Amino acid sequence: MSELSKRSTVYFATEIHQALRIKAASTHQSVSELVNEAVRVALSEDQEDLKAFTQRANEPTLSYEELLEDLKSHGKI
């Protein structure tokens, strides 16, 4: 771990903790490394979602009723 890392207590369900320990052992990583990578991936996905939301903010919207009517008119429902 880096000198800049911070310590935190995280409580896992027993089954999740067991799975993490097994994966850590089988991949020669620590549980901390696995959790850090999972959090990085989740944050990266959030960032991508926010970017897509911003890019699409000016797109026209349909009401639910309009969407159903469009699907019906195109033979989708």
PDB file of N, CA and C in Angstrom:
ATOM      1  N   MET A   1       0.822  -1.189   0.000  1.00  0.00           N
ATOM      2  CA  MET A   1       0.000   0.000   0.000  1.00  0.00           C
ATOM      3  C   MET A   1       0.863   1.247   0.000  1.00  0.00           C
ATOM      4  N   SER A   2       0.338   2.275  -0.581  1.00  0.00           N
ATOM      5  CA  SER A   2       1.067   3.524  -0.670  1.00  0.00           C
ATOM      6  C   SER A   2       1.101   4.237   0.680  1.00  0.00           C
ATOM      7  N   GLU A   3       2.053   5.122   0.837  1.00  0.00           N
ATOM      8  CA  GLU A   3       2.150   5.915   2.065  1.00  0.00           C
ATOM      9  C   GLU A   3       0.952   6.830   2.229  1.00  0.00           C
ATOM     10  N   LEU A   4       0.298   7.165   1.130  1.00  0.00           N
ATOM     11  CA  LEU A   4      -0.814   8.100   1.176  1.00  0.00           C
ATOM     12  C   LEU A   4      -2.147   7.417   1.452  1.00  0.00           C
ATOM     13  N   SER A   5      -2.163   6.105   1.649  1.00  0.00           N
ATOM     14  CA  SER A   5      -3.423   5.412   1.857  1.00  0.00           C
ATOM     15  C   SER A   5      -4.003   5.744   3.224  1.00  0.00           C
ATOM     16  N   LYS A   6      -5.329   5.640   3.306  1.00  0.00           N
ATOM     17  CA  LYS A   6      -6.051   5.912   4.547  1.00  0.00           C
ATOM     18  C   LYS A   6      -6.695   4.624   5.025  1.00  0.00           C
ATOM     19  N   ARG A   7      -6.808   4.488   6.299  1.00  0.00           N
ATOM     20  CA  ARG A   7      -7.412   3.306   6.898  1.00  0.00           C
ATOM     21  C   ARG A   7      -8.886   3.576   7.154  1.00  0.00           C
ATOM     22  N   SER A   8      -9.708   2.563   6.884  1.00  0.00           N
ATOM     23  CA  SER A   8     -11.131   2.674   7.126  1.00  0.00           C
ATOM     24  C   SER A   8     -11.663   1.305   7.507  1.00  0.00           C
ATOM     25  N   THR A   9     -12.679   1.284   8.321  1.00  0.00           N
ATOM     26  CA  THR A   9     -13.310   0.025   8.694  1.00  0.00           C
ATOM     27  C   THR A   9     -14.545  -0.161   7.824  1.00  0.00           C
ATOM     28  N   VAL A  10     -14.606  -1.301   7.177  1.00  0.00           N
ATOM     29  CA  VAL A  10     -15.736  -1.628   6.322  1.00  0.00           C
ATOM     30  C   VAL A  10     -16.285  -2.961   6.789  1.00  0.00           C
ATOM     31  N   TYR A  11     -17.592  -3.043   6.941  1.00  0.00           N
ATOM     32  CA  TYR A  11     -18.220  -4.284   7.377  1.00  0.00           C
ATOM     33  C   TYR A  11     -18.860  -4.975   6.178  1.00  0.00           C
ATOM     34  N   PHE A  12     -18.485  -6.222   5.944  1.00  0.00           N
ATOM     35  CA  PHE A  12     -19.017  -7.015   4.844  1.00  0.00           C
ATOM     36  C   PHE A  12     -19.924  -8.105   5.381  1.00  0.00           C
ATOM     37  N   ALA A  13     -20.903  -8.483   4.585  1.00  0.00           N
ATOM     38  CA  ALA A  13     -21.675  -9.680   4.901  1.00  0.00           C
ATOM     39  C   ALA A  13     -20.684 -10.845   4.925  1.00  0.00           C
ATOM     40  N   THR A  14     -20.933 -11.811   5.754  1.00  0.00           N
ATOM     41  CA  THR A  14     -20.014 -12.933   5.928  1.00  0.00           C
ATOM     42  C   THR A  14     -19.649 -13.585   4.600  1.00  0.00           C
ATOM     43  N   GLU A  15     -20.653 -13.803   3.754  1.00  0.00           N
ATOM     44  CA  GLU A  15     -20.415 -14.472   2.475  1.00  0.00           C
ATOM     45  C   GLU A  15     -19.537 -13.625   1.546  1.00  0.00           C
ATOM     46  N   ILE A  16     -19.764 -12.326   1.555  1.00  0.00           N
ATOM     47  CA  ILE A  16     -18.961 -11.415   0.725  1.00  0.00           C
ATOM     48  C   ILE A  16     -17.518 -11.422   1.214  1.00  0.00           C
ATOM     49  N   HIS A  17     -17.329 -11.355   2.516  1.00  0.00           N
ATOM     50  CA  HIS A  17     -15.978 -11.351   3.075  1.00  0.00           C
ATOM     51  C   HIS A  17     -15.246 -12.642   2.731  1.00  0.00           C
ATOM     52  N   GLN A  18     -15.939 -13.749   2.829  1.00  0.00           N
ATOM     53  CA  GLN A  18     -15.325 -15.033   2.496  1.00  0.00           C
ATOM     54  C   GLN A  18     -14.930 -15.068   1.018  1.00  0.00           C
ATOM     55  N   ALA A  19     -15.822 -14.587   0.152  1.00  0.00           N
ATOM     56  CA  ALA A  19     -15.512 -14.560  -1.283  1.00  0.00           C
ATOM     57  C   ALA A  19     -14.321 -13.653  -1.566  1.00  0.00           C
ATOM     58  N   LEU A  20     -14.258 -12.499  -0.897  1.00  0.00           N
ATOM     59  CA  LEU A  20     -13.120 -11.587  -1.070  1.00  0.00           C
ATOM     60  C   LEU A  20     -11.816 -12.235  -0.630  1.00  0.00           C
ATOM     61  N   ARG A  21     -11.839 -12.911   0.510  1.00  0.00           N
ATOM     62  CA  ARG A  21     -10.624 -13.561   0.997  1.00  0.00           C
ATOM     63  C   ARG A  21     -10.152 -14.650   0.044  1.00  0.00           C
ATOM     64  N   ILE A  22     -11.091 -15.426  -0.487  1.00  0.00           N
ATOM     65  CA  ILE A  22     -10.727 -16.491  -1.430  1.00  0.00           C
ATOM     66  C   ILE A  22     -10.167 -15.891  -2.716  1.00  0.00           C
ATOM     67  N   LYS A  23     -10.844 -14.845  -3.225  1.00  0.00           N
ATOM     68  CA  LYS A  23     -10.341 -14.212  -4.449  1.00  0.00           C
ATOM     69  C   LYS A  23      -8.979 -13.585  -4.213  1.00  0.00           C
ATOM     70  N   ALA A  24      -8.805 -12.932  -3.082  1.00  0.00           N
ATOM     71  CA  ALA A  24      -7.511 -12.316  -2.763  1.00  0.00           C
ATOM     72  C   ALA A  24      -6.410 -13.370  -2.753  1.00  0.00           C
ATOM     73  N   ALA A  25      -6.671 -14.486  -2.123  1.00  0.00           N
ATOM     74  CA  ALA A  25      -5.660 -15.552  -2.057  1.00  0.00           C
ATOM     75  C   ALA A  25      -5.377 -16.128  -3.441  1.00  0.00           C
ATOM     76  N   SER A  26      -6.415 -16.310  -4.236  1.00  0.00           N
ATOM     77  CA  SER A  26      -6.212 -16.947  -5.541  1.00  0.00           C
ATOM     78  C   SER A  26      -5.592 -16.004  -6.572  1.00  0.00           C
ATOM     79  N   THR A  27      -5.698 -14.690  -6.348  1.00  0.00           N
ATOM     80  CA  THR A  27      -5.118 -13.724  -7.291  1.00  0.00           C
ATOM     81  C   THR A  27      -3.855 -13.069  -6.747  1.00  0.00           C
ATOM     82  N   HIS A  28      -3.425 -13.505  -5.562  1.00  0.00           N
ATOM     83  CA  HIS A  28      -2.230 -12.956  -4.916  1.00  0.00           C
ATOM     84  C   HIS A  28      -2.342 -11.443  -4.718  1.00  0.00           C
ATOM     85  N   GLN A  29      -3.538 -11.019  -4.320  1.00  0.00           N
ATOM     86  CA  GLN A  29      -3.778  -9.615  -3.994  1.00  0.00           C
ATOM     87  C   GLN A  29      -4.324  -9.556  -2.574  1.00  0.00           C
ATOM     88  N   SER A  30      -4.293  -8.374  -2.007  1.00  0.00           N
ATOM     89  CA  SER A  30      -4.907  -8.202  -0.689  1.00  0.00           C
ATOM     90  C   SER A  30      -6.386  -7.867  -0.869  1.00  0.00           C
ATOM     91  N   VAL A  31      -7.143  -8.061   0.199  1.00  0.00           N
ATOM     92  CA  VAL A  31      -8.550  -7.668   0.175  1.00  0.00           C
ATOM     93  C   VAL A  31      -8.639  -6.164  -0.100  1.00  0.00           C
ATOM     94  N   SER A  32      -7.749  -5.397   0.483  1.00  0.00           N
ATOM     95  CA  SER A  32      -7.741  -3.940   0.252  1.00  0.00           C
ATOM     96  C   SER A  32      -7.553  -3.612  -1.225  1.00  0.00           C
ATOM     97  N   GLU A  33      -6.649  -4.320  -1.893  1.00  0.00           N
ATOM     98  CA  GLU A  33      -6.435  -4.070  -3.326  1.00  0.00           C
ATOM     99  C   GLU A  33      -7.695  -4.379  -4.122  1.00  0.00           C
ATOM    100  N   LEU A  34      -8.355  -5.477  -3.786  1.00  0.00           N
ATOM    101  CA  LEU A  34      -9.589  -5.835  -4.496  1.00  0.00           C
ATOM    102  C   LEU A  34     -10.677  -4.791  -4.272  1.00  0.00           C
ATOM    103  N   VAL A  35     -10.838  -4.362  -3.040  1.00  0.00           N
ATOM    104  CA  VAL A  35     -11.871  -3.379  -2.722  1.00  0.00           C
ATOM    105  C   VAL A  35     -11.547  -2.043  -3.381  1.00  0.00           C
ATOM    106  N   ASN A  36     -10.288  -1.619  -3.332  1.00  0.00           N
ATOM    107  CA  ASN A  36      -9.898  -0.362  -3.982  1.00  0.00           C
ATOM    108  C   ASN A  36     -10.201  -0.393  -5.471  1.00  0.00           C
ATOM    109  N   GLU A  37      -9.891  -1.506  -6.127  1.00  0.00           N
ATOM    110  CA  GLU A  37     -10.153  -1.613  -7.562  1.00  0.00           C
ATOM    111  C   GLU A  37     -11.651  -1.586  -7.842  1.00  0.00           C
ATOM    112  N   ALA A  38     -12.436  -2.269  -7.032  1.00  0.00           N
ATOM    113  CA  ALA A  38     -13.887  -2.272  -7.219  1.00  0.00           C
ATOM    114  C   ALA A  38     -14.465  -0.866  -7.060  1.00  0.00           C
ATOM    115  N   VAL A  39     -13.967  -0.122  -6.090  1.00  0.00           N
ATOM    116  CA  VAL A  39     -14.433   1.256  -5.881  1.00  0.00           C
ATOM    117  C   VAL A  39     -14.011   2.138  -7.045  1.00  0.00           C
ATOM    118  N   ARG A  40     -12.769   1.972  -7.531  1.00  0.00           N
ATOM    119  CA  ARG A  40     -12.306   2.736  -8.701  1.00  0.00           C
ATOM    120  C   ARG A  40     -13.224   2.501  -9.902  1.00  0.00           C
ATOM    121  N   VAL A  41     -13.561   1.236 -10.147  1.00  0.00           N
ATOM    122  CA  VAL A  41     -14.433   0.889 -11.276  1.00  0.00           C
ATOM    123  C   VAL A  41     -15.801   1.534 -11.095  1.00  0.00           C
ATOM    124  N   ALA A  42     -16.366   1.442  -9.903  1.00  0.00           N
ATOM    125  CA  ALA A  42     -17.686   2.027  -9.643  1.00  0.00           C
ATOM    126  C   ALA A  42     -17.665   3.541  -9.840  1.00  0.00           C
ATOM    127  N   LEU A  43     -16.633   4.208  -9.342  1.00  0.00           N
ATOM    128  CA  LEU A  43     -16.529   5.660  -9.507  1.00  0.00           C
ATOM    129  C   LEU A  43     -16.334   6.042 -10.969  1.00  0.00           C
ATOM    130  N   SER A  44     -15.563   5.251 -11.692  1.00  0.00           N
ATOM    131  CA  SER A  44     -15.350   5.503 -13.118  1.00  0.00           C
ATOM    132  C   SER A  44     -16.662   5.368 -13.892  1.00  0.00           C
ATOM    133  N   GLU A  45     -17.450   4.350 -13.547  1.00  0.00           N
ATOM    134  CA  GLU A  45     -18.748   4.172 -14.199  1.00  0.00           C
ATOM    135  C   GLU A  45     -19.669   5.346 -13.894  1.00  0.00           C
ATOM    136  N   ASP A  46     -19.645   5.832 -12.647  1.00  0.00           N
ATOM    137  CA  ASP A  46     -20.442   7.004 -12.291  1.00  0.00           C
ATOM    138  C   ASP A  46     -20.025   8.208 -13.126  1.00  0.00           C
ATOM    139  N   GLN A  47     -18.718   8.378 -13.297  1.00  0.00           N
ATOM    140  CA  GLN A  47     -18.216   9.504 -14.077  1.00  0.00           C
ATOM    141  C   GLN A  47     -18.685   9.403 -15.522  1.00  0.00           C
ATOM    142  N   GLU A  48     -18.640   8.203 -16.098  1.00  0.00           N
ATOM    143  CA  GLU A  48     -19.113   8.005 -17.472  1.00  0.00           C
ATOM    144  C   GLU A  48     -20.602   8.291 -17.578  1.00  0.00           C
ATOM    145  N   ASP A  49     -21.384   7.853 -16.588  1.00  0.00           N
ATOM    146  CA  ASP A  49     -22.822   8.106 -16.593  1.00  0.00           C
ATOM    147  C   ASP A  49     -23.119   9.602 -16.540  1.00  0.00           C
ATOM    148  N   LEU A  50     -22.396  10.319 -15.674  1.00  0.00           N
ATOM    149  CA  LEU A  50     -22.612  11.759 -15.567  1.00  0.00           C
ATOM    150  C   LEU A  50     -22.237  12.474 -16.861  1.00  0.00           C
ATOM    151  N   LYS A  51     -21.167  12.038 -17.504  1.00  0.00           N
ATOM    152  CA  LYS A  51     -20.755  12.631 -18.776  1.00  0.00           C
ATOM    153  C   LYS A  51     -21.827  12.393 -19.835  1.00  0.00           C
ATOM    154  N   ALA A  52     -22.357  11.179 -19.908  1.00  0.00           N
ATOM    155  CA  ALA A  52     -23.407  10.866 -20.886  1.00  0.00           C
ATOM    156  C   ALA A  52     -24.658  11.679 -20.596  1.00  0.00           C
ATOM    157  N   PHE A  53     -25.003  11.818 -19.328  1.00  0.00           N
ATOM    158  CA  PHE A  53     -26.171  12.600 -18.950  1.00  0.00           C
ATOM    159  C   PHE A  53     -26.014  14.044 -19.409  1.00  0.00           C
ATOM    160  N   THR A  54     -24.824  14.615 -19.184  1.00  0.00           N
ATOM    161  CA  THR A  54     -24.558  15.988 -19.596  1.00  0.00           C
ATOM    162  C   THR A  54     -24.641  16.133 -21.113  1.00  0.00           C
ATOM    163  N   GLN A  55     -24.081  15.171 -21.838  1.00  0.00           N
ATOM    164  CA  GLN A  55     -24.099  15.227 -23.297  1.00  0.00           C
ATOM    165  C   GLN A  55     -25.515  15.123 -23.857  1.00  0.00           C
ATOM    166  N   ARG A  56     -26.389  14.431 -23.155  1.00  0.00           N
ATOM    167  CA  ARG A  56     -27.745  14.203 -23.653  1.00  0.00           C
ATOM    168  C   ARG A  56     -28.769  15.150 -23.049  1.00  0.00           C
ATOM    169  N   ALA A  57     -28.325  16.098 -22.240  1.00  0.00           N
ATOM    170  CA  ALA A  57     -29.237  16.978 -21.502  1.00  0.00           C
ATOM    171  C   ALA A  57     -30.174  17.760 -22.415  1.00  0.00           C
ATOM    172  N   ASN A  58     -29.743  18.095 -23.610  1.00  0.00           N
ATOM    173  CA  ASN A  58     -30.561  18.912 -24.505  1.00  0.00           C
ATOM    174  C   ASN A  58     -31.380  18.098 -25.503  1.00  0.00           C
ATOM    175  N   GLU A  59     -31.348  16.778 -25.376  1.00  0.00           N
ATOM    176  CA  GLU A  59     -32.146  15.948 -26.271  1.00  0.00           C
ATOM    177  C   GLU A  59     -33.624  16.100 -25.933  1.00  0.00           C
ATOM    178  N   PRO A  60     -34.463  16.010 -26.943  1.00  0.00           N
ATOM    179  CA  PRO A  60     -35.901  16.098 -26.662  1.00  0.00           C
ATOM    180  C   PRO A  60     -36.345  14.891 -25.820  1.00  0.00           C
ATOM    181  N   THR A  61     -37.367  15.106 -25.039  1.00  0.00           N
ATOM    182  CA  THR A  61     -37.883  14.033 -24.200  1.00  0.00           C
ATOM    183  C   THR A  61     -39.286  13.646 -24.647  1.00  0.00           C
ATOM    184  N   LEU A  62     -39.668  12.425 -24.316  1.00  0.00           N
ATOM    185  CA  LEU A  62     -41.012  11.927 -24.582  1.00  0.00           C
ATOM    186  C   LEU A  62     -41.667  11.596 -23.253  1.00  0.00           C
ATOM    187  N   SER A  63     -42.950  11.845 -23.170  1.00  0.00           N
ATOM    188  CA  SER A  63     -43.666  11.372 -21.992  1.00  0.00           C
ATOM    189  C   SER A  63     -43.837   9.863 -22.135  1.00  0.00           C
ATOM    190  N   TYR A  64     -44.205   9.228 -21.076  1.00  0.00           N
ATOM    191  CA  TYR A  64     -44.431   7.786 -21.117  1.00  0.00           C
ATOM    192  C   TYR A  64     -45.528   7.451 -22.130  1.00  0.00           C
ATOM    193  N   GLU A  65     -46.562   8.255 -22.133  1.00  0.00           N
ATOM    194  CA  GLU A  65     -47.664   8.034 -23.068  1.00  0.00           C
ATOM    195  C   GLU A  65     -47.192   8.184 -24.514  1.00  0.00           C
ATOM    196  N   GLU A  66     -46.376   9.202 -24.771  1.00  0.00           N
ATOM    197  CA  GLU A  66     -45.837   9.403 -26.123  1.00  0.00           C
ATOM    198  C   GLU A  66     -44.948   8.238 -26.535  1.00  0.00           C
ATOM    199  N   LEU A  67     -44.158   7.744 -25.610  1.00  0.00           N
ATOM    200  CA  LEU A  67     -43.296   6.605 -25.893  1.00  0.00           C
ATOM    201  C   LEU A  67     -44.126   5.383 -26.264  1.00  0.00           C
ATOM    202  N   LEU A  68     -45.175   5.108 -25.489  1.00  0.00           N
ATOM    203  CA  LEU A  68     -46.041   3.970 -25.796  1.00  0.00           C
ATOM    204  C   LEU A  68     -46.692   4.123 -27.167  1.00  0.00           C
ATOM    205  N   GLU A  69     -47.144   5.322 -27.468  1.00  0.00           N
ATOM    206  CA  GLU A  69     -47.773   5.577 -28.768  1.00  0.00           C
ATOM    207  C   GLU A  69     -46.773   5.379 -29.903  1.00  0.00           C
ATOM    208  N   ASP A  70     -45.549   5.832 -29.715  1.00  0.00           N
ATOM    209  CA  ASP A  70     -44.492   5.655 -30.730  1.00  0.00           C
ATOM    210  C   ASP A  70     -44.196   4.180 -30.936  1.00  0.00           C
ATOM    211  N   LEU A  71     -44.077   3.437 -29.850  1.00  0.00           N
ATOM    212  CA  LEU A  71     -43.824   1.996 -29.964  1.00  0.00           C
ATOM    213  C   LEU A  71     -44.961   1.296 -30.687  1.00  0.00           C
ATOM    214  N   LYS A  72     -46.176   1.693 -30.360  1.00  0.00           N
ATOM    215  CA  LYS A  72     -47.346   1.086 -31.006  1.00  0.00           C
ATOM    216  C   LYS A  72     -47.376   1.415 -32.490  1.00  0.00           C
ATOM    217  N   SER A  73     -47.082   2.661 -32.849  1.00  0.00           N
ATOM    218  CA  SER A  73     -47.132   3.068 -34.257  1.00  0.00           C
ATOM    219  C   SER A  73     -46.067   2.374 -35.102  1.00  0.00           C
ATOM    220  N   HIS A  74     -44.981   1.924 -34.451  1.00  0.00           N
ATOM    221  CA  HIS A  74     -43.931   1.216 -35.167  1.00  0.00           C
ATOM    222  C   HIS A  74     -44.048  -0.297 -35.029  1.00  0.00           C
ATOM    223  N   GLY A  75     -45.175  -0.769 -34.498  1.00  0.00           N
ATOM    224  CA  GLY A  75     -45.417  -2.197 -34.384  1.00  0.00           C
ATOM    225  C   GLY A  75     -44.562  -2.902 -33.345  1.00  0.00           C
ATOM    226  N   LYS A  76     -44.040  -2.169 -32.387  1.00  0.00           N
ATOM    227  CA  LYS A  76     -43.180  -2.767 -31.359  1.00  0.00           C
ATOM    228  C   LYS A  76     -43.987  -3.363 -30.206  1.00  0.00           C
ATOM    229  N   ILE A  77     -45.204  -2.825 -30.026  1.00  0.00           N
ATOM    230  CA  ILE A  77     -46.101  -3.400 -29.001  1.00  0.00           C
ATOM    231  C   ILE A  77     -47.493  -3.536 -29.581  1.00  0.00           C
TER     232      ILE A  77
END
